[in-house]
Amino acid sequence: MAEISDTGSESTDLRRAAMTAIDVRAWFVREVLPLETLLMQYLRRNWTGTSDIADLRQEVYVRVFEAAQTQLPESARAFVLMTARNLIIDRVRREQVVPIEAVADLDMLGVAANDAGPERAAIARDALRRLQGALDRLPRRPREAVFMSKVEGLNRREIAARMGIAEDTVRQHLMSGMRALADFLYGEAGHTEKKP
């Protein structure tokens, strides 16, 4: 009996090890990116600094993607929200300023005395440079659609009106643009060139 369970766990381990970077990227685009609206609502509800929301979202994406390279979570939704919660707690600890709205029980935080300071600023600048570089590599129409959607916060109808195209075309531009961004930002170094 022990042999059967050992073999079963070995086969599970082999299956997990067989996950390639392409599989993880495909999972990320298919399971995580569609949760963006839910994630943004969660972050807006639980973080008071509205200027940090986009940075928080990006950091959640990075943490989720990196964790998925080791093992895919059973529920992408639950994992994304838990990652966002943990990130908010980490930020509150680092900033050493605990707004009353941020946490119900301050003793649960165990606010640390460490200051991340310049490292965080350097990492944030690097992430912004990478994002700008990835946006610059997108074809013009998908880049415009993604910018209007993610930066300006317009919905598909508003984007379609502004670009003078059908909503379905906007949807196609957004899908191709987000997939290309995911490839540029999370792909292997050799796979970051534009595809014909």
Protein backbone atom coordinates (compact mmCIF):
# COMPACT_ATOMS: atom_id res chain seq x y z
CA MET A 1 0.00 0.00 0.00
CA ALA A 2 2.84 2.39 0.83
CA GLU A 3 4.30 1.84 -2.62
CA ILE A 4 1.11 2.99 -4.31
CA SER A 5 0.96 6.25 -2.37
CA ASP A 6 4.69 6.86 -2.92
CA THR A 7 4.28 6.29 -6.65
CA GLY A 8 1.25 8.57 -6.68
CA SER A 9 3.15 11.38 -4.98
CA GLU A 10 6.14 10.84 -7.27
CA SER A 11 3.92 11.17 -10.32
CA THR A 12 2.41 14.37 -8.87
CA ASP A 13 5.91 15.73 -8.23
CA LEU A 14 6.97 14.88 -11.79
CA ARG A 15 3.87 16.56 -13.18
CA ARG A 16 4.59 19.73 -11.17
CA ALA A 17 8.24 19.65 -12.24
CA ALA A 18 7.16 19.33 -15.85
CA MET A 19 5.45 22.76 -15.72
CA THR A 20 7.36 24.96 -18.10
CA ALA A 21 7.64 28.72 -18.10
CA ILE A 22 5.22 28.75 -21.04
CA ASP A 23 2.66 26.76 -19.01
CA VAL A 24 2.98 29.17 -16.09
CA ARG A 25 2.59 32.21 -18.38
CA ALA A 26 -0.47 30.64 -20.02
CA TRP A 27 -1.96 29.91 -16.58
CA PHE A 28 -1.21 33.47 -15.45
CA VAL A 29 -2.88 35.05 -18.50
CA ARG A 30 -5.85 32.65 -18.34
CA GLU A 31 -6.48 32.58 -14.56
CA VAL A 32 -4.92 35.66 -12.94
CA LEU A 33 -5.25 38.58 -15.36
CA PRO A 34 -9.07 38.24 -15.59
CA LEU A 35 -9.18 38.80 -11.79
CA GLU A 36 -7.82 42.34 -12.16
CA THR A 37 -11.15 44.08 -11.46
CA LEU A 38 -11.67 42.02 -8.30
CA LEU A 39 -8.08 42.66 -7.21
CA MET A 40 -8.38 46.42 -7.80
CA GLN A 41 -11.63 46.57 -5.80
CA TYR A 42 -9.95 44.70 -2.94
CA LEU A 43 -6.91 46.99 -2.99
CA ARG A 44 -9.02 50.16 -3.09
CA ARG A 45 -11.11 48.93 -0.16
CA ASN A 46 -8.12 47.95 1.95
CA TRP A 47 -5.42 50.51 1.15
CA THR A 48 -5.83 54.23 1.82
CA GLY A 49 -3.07 55.51 -0.49
CA THR A 50 -4.81 55.61 -3.87
CA SER A 51 -1.58 56.58 -5.65
CA ASP A 52 -0.04 53.24 -4.59
CA ILE A 53 -2.83 51.02 -5.93
CA ALA A 54 -1.24 50.38 -9.34
CA ASP A 55 2.10 49.57 -7.68
CA LEU A 56 0.38 47.19 -5.27
CA ARG A 57 -1.40 45.44 -8.16
CA GLN A 58 1.87 44.99 -10.02
CA GLU A 59 3.62 43.66 -6.93
CA VAL A 60 0.77 41.17 -6.38
CA TYR A 61 1.18 39.99 -9.98
CA VAL A 62 4.93 39.54 -9.52
CA ARG A 63 4.49 37.57 -6.29
CA VAL A 64 1.75 35.37 -7.76
CA PHE A 65 3.76 34.66 -10.91
CA GLU A 66 6.92 33.82 -8.98
CA ALA A 67 5.03 31.52 -6.62
CA ALA A 68 3.30 29.79 -9.55
CA GLN A 69 6.68 28.88 -11.02
CA THR A 70 7.15 26.58 -8.02
CA GLN A 71 3.59 25.29 -7.75
CA LEU A 72 0.26 26.38 -9.23
CA PRO A 73 -2.33 27.19 -6.56
CA GLU A 74 -5.60 25.27 -6.56
CA SER A 75 -7.65 28.49 -6.61
CA ALA A 76 -6.16 31.46 -8.44
CA ARG A 77 -8.80 33.81 -6.98
CA ALA A 78 -8.11 32.86 -3.37
CA PHE A 79 -4.34 32.96 -3.92
CA VAL A 80 -4.43 36.41 -5.56
CA LEU A 81 -6.54 37.87 -2.74
CA MET A 82 -4.39 36.27 -0.03
CA THR A 83 -1.26 37.60 -1.73
CA ALA A 84 -2.81 41.10 -1.83
CA ARG A 85 -3.70 40.85 1.87
CA ASN A 86 -0.18 39.77 2.80
CA LEU A 87 1.34 42.52 0.66
CA ILE A 88 -0.77 45.17 2.40
CA ILE A 89 0.31 43.85 5.80
CA ASP A 90 3.97 43.89 4.67
CA ARG A 91 3.64 47.49 3.47
CA VAL A 92 2.04 48.63 6.71
CA ARG A 93 4.84 46.98 8.67
CA ARG A 94 7.52 48.60 6.52
CA GLU A 95 6.07 52.06 6.66
CA GLN A 96 5.73 51.92 10.44
CA VAL A 97 2.66 54.09 10.10
CA VAL A 98 -0.43 52.13 10.95
CA PRO A 99 -3.62 53.88 9.88
CA ILE A 100 -6.59 52.86 12.01
CA GLU A 101 -8.49 51.80 8.85
CA ALA A 102 -5.69 49.44 7.76
CA VAL A 103 -6.01 46.89 10.56
CA ALA A 104 -8.62 45.96 13.11
CA ASP A 105 -6.14 44.51 15.63
CA LEU A 106 -2.84 46.38 15.76
CA ASP A 107 -1.22 43.72 17.96
CA MET A 108 -1.59 41.20 15.09
CA LEU A 109 0.82 43.21 12.94
CA GLY A 110 3.90 43.16 15.12
CA VAL A 111 5.16 46.31 13.41
CA ALA A 112 8.84 45.91 12.58
CA ALA A 113 11.55 48.53 13.08
CA ASN A 114 13.28 47.84 9.72
CA ASP A 115 13.14 50.39 6.94
CA ALA A 116 13.44 49.18 3.35
CA GLY A 117 13.97 52.73 2.04
CA PRO A 118 16.21 53.11 -1.02
CA GLU A 119 15.93 49.46 -2.10
CA ARG A 120 12.15 49.76 -2.52
CA ALA A 121 12.51 52.97 -4.49
CA ALA A 122 15.11 51.39 -6.79
CA ILE A 123 12.96 48.30 -7.32
CA ALA A 124 9.92 50.46 -8.06
CA ARG A 125 11.84 52.58 -10.59
CA ASP A 126 13.16 49.42 -12.27
CA ALA A 127 9.65 47.95 -12.45
CA LEU A 128 8.31 51.16 -14.00
CA ARG A 129 11.14 51.17 -16.57
CA ARG A 130 10.38 47.56 -17.48
CA LEU A 131 6.65 48.32 -17.80
CA GLN A 132 7.29 51.39 -19.96
CA GLY A 133 9.64 49.36 -22.17
CA ALA A 134 7.03 46.62 -22.52
CA LEU A 135 4.32 49.17 -23.39
CA ASP A 136 6.59 50.79 -25.98
CA ARG A 137 7.05 47.40 -27.68
CA LEU A 138 3.31 46.86 -28.21
CA PRO A 139 1.78 47.60 -31.62
CA ARG A 140 0.15 51.06 -31.71
CA ARG A 141 -3.56 50.13 -31.47
CA PRO A 142 -3.24 47.53 -28.68
CA ARG A 143 -0.92 49.95 -26.81
CA GLU A 144 -3.53 52.71 -27.05
CA ALA A 145 -6.32 50.39 -25.88
CA VAL A 146 -4.29 49.04 -22.95
CA PHE A 147 -3.22 52.56 -21.92
CA MET A 148 -6.80 53.88 -22.00
CA SER A 149 -8.06 50.87 -20.06
CA LYS A 150 -5.36 50.40 -17.43
CA VAL A 151 -4.00 53.93 -16.98
CA GLU A 152 -6.98 56.15 -17.77
CA GLY A 153 -9.53 53.68 -16.40
CA LEU A 154 -11.87 53.80 -19.40
CA ASN A 155 -14.26 50.95 -20.14
CA ARG A 156 -14.50 49.23 -23.55
CA ARG A 157 -17.38 51.39 -24.75
CA GLU A 158 -15.47 54.60 -23.95
CA ILE A 159 -12.31 53.26 -25.59
CA ALA A 160 -14.26 52.22 -28.69
CA ALA A 161 -15.77 55.71 -28.97
CA ARG A 162 -12.41 57.40 -28.52
CA MET A 163 -10.60 55.11 -30.99
CA GLY A 164 -13.49 55.04 -33.48
CA ILE A 165 -13.70 51.23 -33.58
CA ALA A 166 -16.13 48.50 -32.48
CA GLU A 167 -16.18 47.29 -28.86
CA ASP A 168 -15.31 43.78 -30.03
CA THR A 169 -12.20 45.16 -31.74
CA VAL A 170 -11.28 46.94 -28.49
CA ARG A 171 -11.66 43.61 -26.66
CA GLN A 172 -9.31 41.95 -29.18
CA HIS A 173 -6.76 44.78 -28.82
CA LEU A 174 -6.91 44.52 -25.02
CA MET A 175 -6.49 40.74 -25.06
CA SER A 176 -3.56 40.79 -27.46
CA GLY A 177 -1.98 43.74 -25.66
CA MET A 178 -2.25 42.14 -22.21
CA ARG A 179 -0.90 38.83 -23.49
CA ALA A 180 2.03 40.59 -25.13
CA LEU A 181 2.71 42.57 -21.93
CA ALA A 182 2.66 39.35 -19.89
CA ASP A 183 5.14 37.82 -22.36
CA PHE A 184 7.40 40.87 -22.25
CA LEU A 185 7.30 41.26 -18.46
CA TYR A 186 7.25 37.64 -17.33
CA GLY A 187 8.68 35.79 -20.30
CA GLU A 188 12.13 34.37 -20.63
CA ALA A 189 14.78 36.78 -21.91
CA GLY A 190 14.82 35.14 -25.32
CA HIS A 191 11.09 35.42 -25.83
CA THR A 192 10.71 39.18 -25.39
CA GLU A 193 10.89 40.18 -29.04
CA LYS A 194 7.77 41.16 -31.01
CA LYS A 195 6.03 38.31 -32.70
CA PRO A 196 5.17 38.79 -36.39
